[in-house]
Amino acid sequence: MSYSINLFTHSGIAHMDDTLSVALMLAHHSDDVSMHVERVRQVPSGGQTSDYALDMNAPEDFNGVVLDHHYDGAKDCTAVQVLLDITCVSREDLFEALPWLKGVNTRDLHGIQTACREIGCTVKEYKEVYGAGNQFLVNLMTEEGEGVVSYDTLRVLNKFGKYVLKELGEYLIRRDAIAALHMKVVGGYKVADLRGQNLLAPFHMFSETEADICLMDNLRGEGVVMSRADRIGDRLDMGKFEEYSSFTHSGGFMCVLKEGVDPFDLLK
């Protein structure tokens, strides 16, 4: 059963906060939901309980949800409030998963100078990192003027919102996999057995797990992929396992074991 949601945000010059907030709301809701987005000077009274006022205040008789930071003591910008509202992720995990979001948050709450001090960059560097990539989206929103936001703009924002939520989801998968990881010490090496885990970037796991060796599934369907961390270098040349491998890298840092070969037996 389909239903509709009305999103209201301020007209005039758009900023990354309100633009990102709308993008996230669009991306979060399924295609069965009819999203009506309008840029207004004042949020209308009444409405549905499923409606949202984003980055602006609303009258007391507004029946929807108000996510705004324009009040004393506000801790988070509207975009962060949206993420906290639509996900089960903690504030700390949001900033860990999306480091750039902390810059957006501080910039919107306390200004660009404070954001630069917090991040440790110059205003020019901040604008290059946080401005150039997103200015297109902000300009797109500003050019909509006042009134109902066009379908073409909503389509672009929806894609951006889905990208952000995908980035957040990938972090959570990776973090949970690391938390569940059990390392074994075999032959003097700390071995992280990552087989069967839904990891997105296993070759980057060394620094996060402090593993000397990682074992991973081979996407081609052969035996286990065994790779070493650079820090142990020549202490372990995977070439020594050549007779048990279907492939050995010339650099000696990884090999693909033959089907049925147990890597722990080789490392003893």
Protein backbone atom coordinates (compact mmCIF):
# COMPACT_ATOMS: atom_id res chain seq x y z
CA MET A 1 0.00 0.00 0.00
CA SER A 2 1.48 3.34 -1.05
CA TYR A 3 1.35 6.53 1.00
CA SER A 4 2.68 10.05 0.75
CA ILE A 5 5.11 12.13 2.77
CA ASN A 6 5.44 15.91 2.55
CA LEU A 7 8.90 17.37 3.16
CA PHE A 8 9.21 21.08 3.82
CA THR A 9 12.49 22.96 3.89
CA HIS A 10 13.43 26.62 3.66
CA SER A 11 13.47 28.59 0.44
CA GLY A 12 16.19 31.10 -0.47
CA ILE A 13 19.86 30.09 -0.58
CA ALA A 14 20.31 26.36 0.02
CA HIS A 15 23.11 24.90 2.12
CA MET A 16 24.62 21.45 2.36
CA ASP A 17 22.62 20.72 5.51
CA ASP A 18 19.11 21.13 4.08
CA THR A 19 20.14 19.67 0.70
CA LEU A 20 21.65 16.56 2.31
CA SER A 21 18.65 16.21 4.64
CA VAL A 22 16.24 16.06 1.71
CA ALA A 23 18.53 13.67 -0.19
CA LEU A 24 18.67 11.27 2.76
CA MET A 25 14.91 11.30 3.27
CA LEU A 26 14.33 10.59 -0.43
CA ALA A 27 16.82 7.73 -0.44
CA HIS A 28 15.54 6.18 2.78
CA HIS A 29 11.95 5.71 1.68
CA SER A 30 10.92 3.02 -0.78
CA ASP A 31 9.52 3.59 -4.26
CA ASP A 32 6.04 2.93 -2.84
CA VAL A 33 6.20 6.25 -1.02
CA SER A 34 5.13 9.40 -2.84
CA MET A 35 7.52 12.16 -1.75
CA HIS A 36 6.35 15.75 -2.10
CA VAL A 37 9.21 18.22 -1.43
CA GLU A 38 8.51 21.91 -1.14
CA ARG A 39 10.74 24.90 -0.36
CA VAL A 40 8.78 27.40 1.71
CA ARG A 41 9.16 30.54 3.78
CA GLN A 42 6.94 29.09 6.50
CA VAL A 43 5.86 25.51 7.21
CA PRO A 44 2.07 25.19 6.85
CA SER A 45 -0.12 24.24 9.79
CA GLY A 46 -1.69 20.81 10.20
CA GLY A 47 -0.61 18.15 7.75
CA GLN A 48 0.06 14.47 8.34
CA THR A 49 2.02 12.86 11.16
CA SER A 50 4.33 11.45 8.47
CA ASP A 51 5.30 14.94 7.24
CA TYR A 52 8.68 16.54 8.00
CA ALA A 53 9.91 20.09 8.48
CA LEU A 54 13.65 20.05 7.71
CA ASP A 55 16.13 22.73 8.72
CA MET A 56 13.39 25.17 9.75
CA ASN A 57 10.92 25.64 12.57
CA ALA A 58 7.22 24.86 12.28
CA PRO A 59 4.05 26.19 13.93
CA GLU A 60 2.85 24.48 17.09
CA ASP A 61 -0.10 22.92 15.27
CA PHE A 62 2.11 21.22 12.66
CA ASN A 63 1.35 17.51 12.98
CA GLY A 64 4.59 16.21 11.49
CA VAL A 65 8.17 15.80 12.69
CA VAL A 66 10.43 18.84 13.04
CA LEU A 67 14.17 18.31 12.56
CA ASP A 68 15.97 21.61 12.98
CA HIS A 69 19.02 23.07 14.70
CA HIS A 70 18.07 26.74 14.90
CA TYR A 71 17.74 26.86 18.67
CA ASP A 72 20.13 27.37 21.59
CA GLY A 73 22.05 24.27 22.57
CA ALA A 74 21.54 22.40 19.31
CA LYS A 75 24.04 19.55 19.16
CA ASP A 76 23.64 18.43 15.57
CA CYS A 77 22.79 19.89 12.20
CA THR A 78 19.60 18.74 10.52
CA ALA A 79 21.29 16.14 8.30
CA VAL A 80 22.74 14.38 11.35
CA GLN A 81 19.33 14.50 13.03
CA VAL A 82 17.79 12.91 9.92
CA LEU A 83 20.31 10.06 10.00
CA LEU A 84 19.67 9.49 13.70
CA ASP A 85 15.93 9.47 12.96
CA ILE A 86 15.95 7.03 10.03
CA THR A 87 18.72 4.65 11.18
CA CYS A 88 19.68 2.80 14.35
CA VAL A 89 23.25 4.12 14.19
CA SER A 90 24.75 6.09 17.06
CA ARG A 91 26.08 9.61 16.61
CA GLU A 92 29.64 8.40 17.22
CA ASP A 93 29.31 5.69 14.57
CA LEU A 94 27.90 8.17 12.07
CA PHE A 95 30.98 10.36 12.34
CA GLU A 96 33.26 7.32 12.23
CA ALA A 97 31.56 5.97 9.12
CA LEU A 98 31.19 9.34 7.39
CA PRO A 99 34.15 11.51 8.51
CA TRP A 100 33.15 14.32 6.14
CA LEU A 101 29.79 14.60 7.96
CA LYS A 102 31.51 15.97 11.06
CA GLY A 103 32.85 18.84 8.97
CA VAL A 104 29.40 19.57 7.58
CA ASN A 105 27.94 19.41 11.09
CA THR A 106 30.43 21.82 12.67
CA ARG A 107 30.29 24.18 9.69
CA ASP A 108 26.52 24.47 9.89
CA LEU A 109 26.38 24.88 13.67
CA HIS A 110 29.42 27.04 14.37
CA GLY A 111 30.72 28.42 11.09
CA ILE A 112 33.54 27.61 8.71
CA GLN A 113 36.37 28.93 10.93
CA THR A 114 35.43 26.60 13.80
CA ALA A 115 35.07 23.70 11.37
CA CYS A 116 38.55 24.37 10.00
CA ARG A 117 40.07 24.46 13.48
CA GLU A 118 38.35 21.18 14.39
CA ILE A 119 39.44 19.41 11.21
CA GLY A 120 42.87 21.05 11.07
CA CYS A 121 42.71 22.64 7.64
CA THR A 122 42.57 26.06 6.00
CA VAL A 123 39.39 27.67 4.72
CA LYS A 124 40.63 27.08 1.17
CA GLU A 125 41.23 23.39 1.87
CA TYR A 126 37.81 23.09 3.50
CA LYS A 127 36.07 24.56 0.47
CA GLU A 128 38.03 22.30 -1.86
CA VAL A 129 37.06 19.19 0.10
CA TYR A 130 33.55 20.04 1.33
CA GLY A 131 32.48 22.63 -1.21
CA ALA A 132 33.52 21.70 -4.72
CA GLY A 133 32.06 18.20 -4.74
CA ASN A 134 28.70 19.22 -3.32
CA GLN A 135 28.28 22.74 -4.68
CA PHE A 136 26.48 21.38 -7.71
CA LEU A 137 23.79 19.86 -5.48
CA VAL A 138 23.44 22.99 -3.37
CA ASN A 139 23.19 25.20 -6.46
CA LEU A 140 20.61 22.83 -7.94
CA MET A 141 18.48 23.22 -4.82
CA THR A 142 18.92 27.01 -4.68
CA GLU A 143 17.87 27.39 -8.31
CA GLU A 144 14.58 25.65 -7.51
CA GLY A 145 13.52 28.87 -5.80
CA GLU A 146 10.34 28.74 -3.75
CA GLY A 147 7.69 26.09 -4.27
CA VAL A 148 7.56 22.40 -5.22
CA VAL A 149 10.97 20.91 -6.05
CA SER A 150 11.11 19.47 -9.57
CA TYR A 151 11.28 15.77 -10.34
CA ASP A 152 14.68 16.11 -12.05
CA THR A 153 16.25 17.68 -8.95
CA LEU A 154 14.66 15.06 -6.68
CA ARG A 155 16.07 12.30 -8.88
CA VAL A 156 19.62 13.67 -8.55
CA LEU A 157 19.27 14.16 -4.79
CA ASN A 158 17.86 10.65 -4.39
CA LYS A 159 20.95 9.18 -6.06
CA PHE A 160 23.24 11.19 -3.79
CA GLY A 161 21.30 10.12 -0.70
CA LYS A 162 21.51 6.45 -1.72
CA TYR A 163 25.28 6.82 -2.13
CA VAL A 164 25.61 8.20 1.43
CA LEU A 165 23.42 5.46 2.93
CA LYS A 166 25.40 2.83 0.99
CA GLU A 167 28.65 4.27 2.39
CA LEU A 168 27.19 4.06 5.90
CA GLY A 169 25.97 0.50 5.39
CA GLU A 170 29.33 -0.68 4.07
CA TYR A 171 31.07 0.74 7.14
CA LEU A 172 28.69 -1.11 9.47
CA ILE A 173 29.21 -4.41 7.66
CA ARG A 174 32.95 -3.98 7.87
CA ARG A 175 32.93 -2.84 11.50
CA ASP A 176 30.73 -5.71 12.63
CA ALA A 177 32.94 -8.18 10.78
CA ILE A 178 36.00 -6.81 12.57
CA ALA A 179 34.23 -6.99 15.93
CA ALA A 180 33.33 -10.64 15.33
CA LEU A 181 36.80 -11.54 14.11
CA HIS A 182 38.80 -14.15 15.98
CA MET A 183 42.52 -14.31 15.30
CA LYS A 184 44.67 -17.37 15.83
CA VAL A 185 48.40 -17.37 16.46
CA VAL A 186 49.94 -20.03 14.22
CA GLY A 187 53.65 -20.47 13.62
CA GLY A 188 54.32 -17.18 15.41
CA TYR A 189 51.96 -15.24 13.12
CA LYS A 190 48.65 -13.62 14.02
CA VAL A 191 46.27 -15.05 11.43
CA ALA A 192 42.88 -13.43 10.72
CA ASP A 193 40.50 -15.93 9.17
CA LEU A 194 38.14 -13.79 7.11
CA ARG A 195 36.60 -16.62 5.12
CA GLY A 196 32.84 -16.49 4.85
CA GLN A 197 32.63 -12.89 6.04
CA ASN A 198 31.01 -10.18 3.98
CA LEU A 199 34.01 -7.87 3.83
CA LEU A 200 34.29 -5.13 1.28
CA ALA A 201 37.99 -4.41 1.39
CA PRO A 202 39.82 -7.37 2.99
CA PHE A 203 43.27 -6.17 1.91
CA HIS A 204 42.80 -3.15 4.16
CA MET A 205 42.04 -5.27 7.20
CA PHE A 206 45.62 -5.64 8.39
CA SER A 207 45.89 -2.25 10.05
CA GLU A 208 42.49 -2.65 11.71
CA THR A 209 43.00 -6.17 13.02
CA GLU A 210 46.81 -6.06 13.54
CA ALA A 211 46.93 -9.37 11.68
CA ASP A 212 50.14 -10.64 10.11
CA ILE A 213 48.29 -12.85 7.66
CA CYS A 214 44.73 -12.75 6.30
CA LEU A 215 42.83 -15.72 4.92
CA MET A 216 40.03 -14.88 2.48
CA ASP A 217 37.59 -16.65 0.19
CA ASN A 218 38.66 -16.76 -3.44
CA LEU A 219 35.97 -15.18 -5.60
CA ARG A 220 36.99 -17.44 -8.49
CA GLY A 221 35.93 -20.46 -6.50
CA GLU A 222 39.32 -22.06 -5.98
CA GLY A 223 41.08 -22.51 -2.65
CA VAL A 224 41.81 -20.01 0.10
CA VAL A 225 43.61 -16.73 -0.63
CA MET A 226 46.46 -16.23 1.86
CA SER A 227 48.12 -12.80 2.01
CA ARG A 228 50.61 -11.23 4.36
CA ALA A 229 50.95 -7.76 5.84
CA ASP A 230 53.79 -5.67 4.45
CA ARG A 231 55.31 -5.27 7.89
CA ILE A 232 56.33 -8.94 8.10
CA GLY A 233 57.84 -8.79 4.62
CA ASP A 234 60.45 -11.41 3.82
CA ARG A 235 59.83 -13.22 7.08
CA LEU A 236 57.22 -15.14 5.12
CA ASP A 237 57.53 -15.60 1.36
CA MET A 238 54.33 -17.19 0.07
CA GLY A 239 56.48 -18.70 -2.67
CA LYS A 240 57.52 -21.41 -0.22
CA PHE A 241 53.98 -22.81 -0.53
CA GLU A 242 54.13 -22.99 -4.34
CA GLU A 243 53.54 -26.74 -4.53
CA TYR A 244 50.31 -26.29 -2.55
CA SER A 245 49.18 -23.26 -4.57
CA SER A 246 47.37 -22.74 -7.87
CA PHE A 247 48.81 -19.22 -8.04
CA THR A 248 51.65 -17.41 -6.27
CA HIS A 249 52.29 -13.70 -6.71
CA SER A 250 55.79 -12.86 -7.94
CA GLY A 251 56.15 -10.41 -5.04
CA GLY A 252 55.68 -13.24 -2.57
CA PHE A 253 52.99 -11.44 -0.57
CA MET A 254 50.03 -13.65 -1.51
CA CYS A 255 49.03 -17.00 -2.94
CA VAL A 256 45.89 -18.94 -3.82
CA LEU A 257 45.96 -22.37 -2.23
CA LYS A 258 44.72 -25.43 -4.08
CA GLU A 259 41.26 -26.68 -3.25
CA GLY A 260 41.22 -28.59 0.05
CA VAL A 261 44.57 -27.32 1.35
CA ASP A 262 44.34 -26.18 4.99
CA PRO A 263 46.37 -22.96 5.45
CA PHE A 264 46.79 -23.60 9.18
CA ASP A 265 48.59 -26.86 8.42
CA LEU A 266 51.06 -24.97 6.23
CA LEU A 267 51.72 -22.31 8.83
CA LYS A 268 52.51 -24.66 11.71
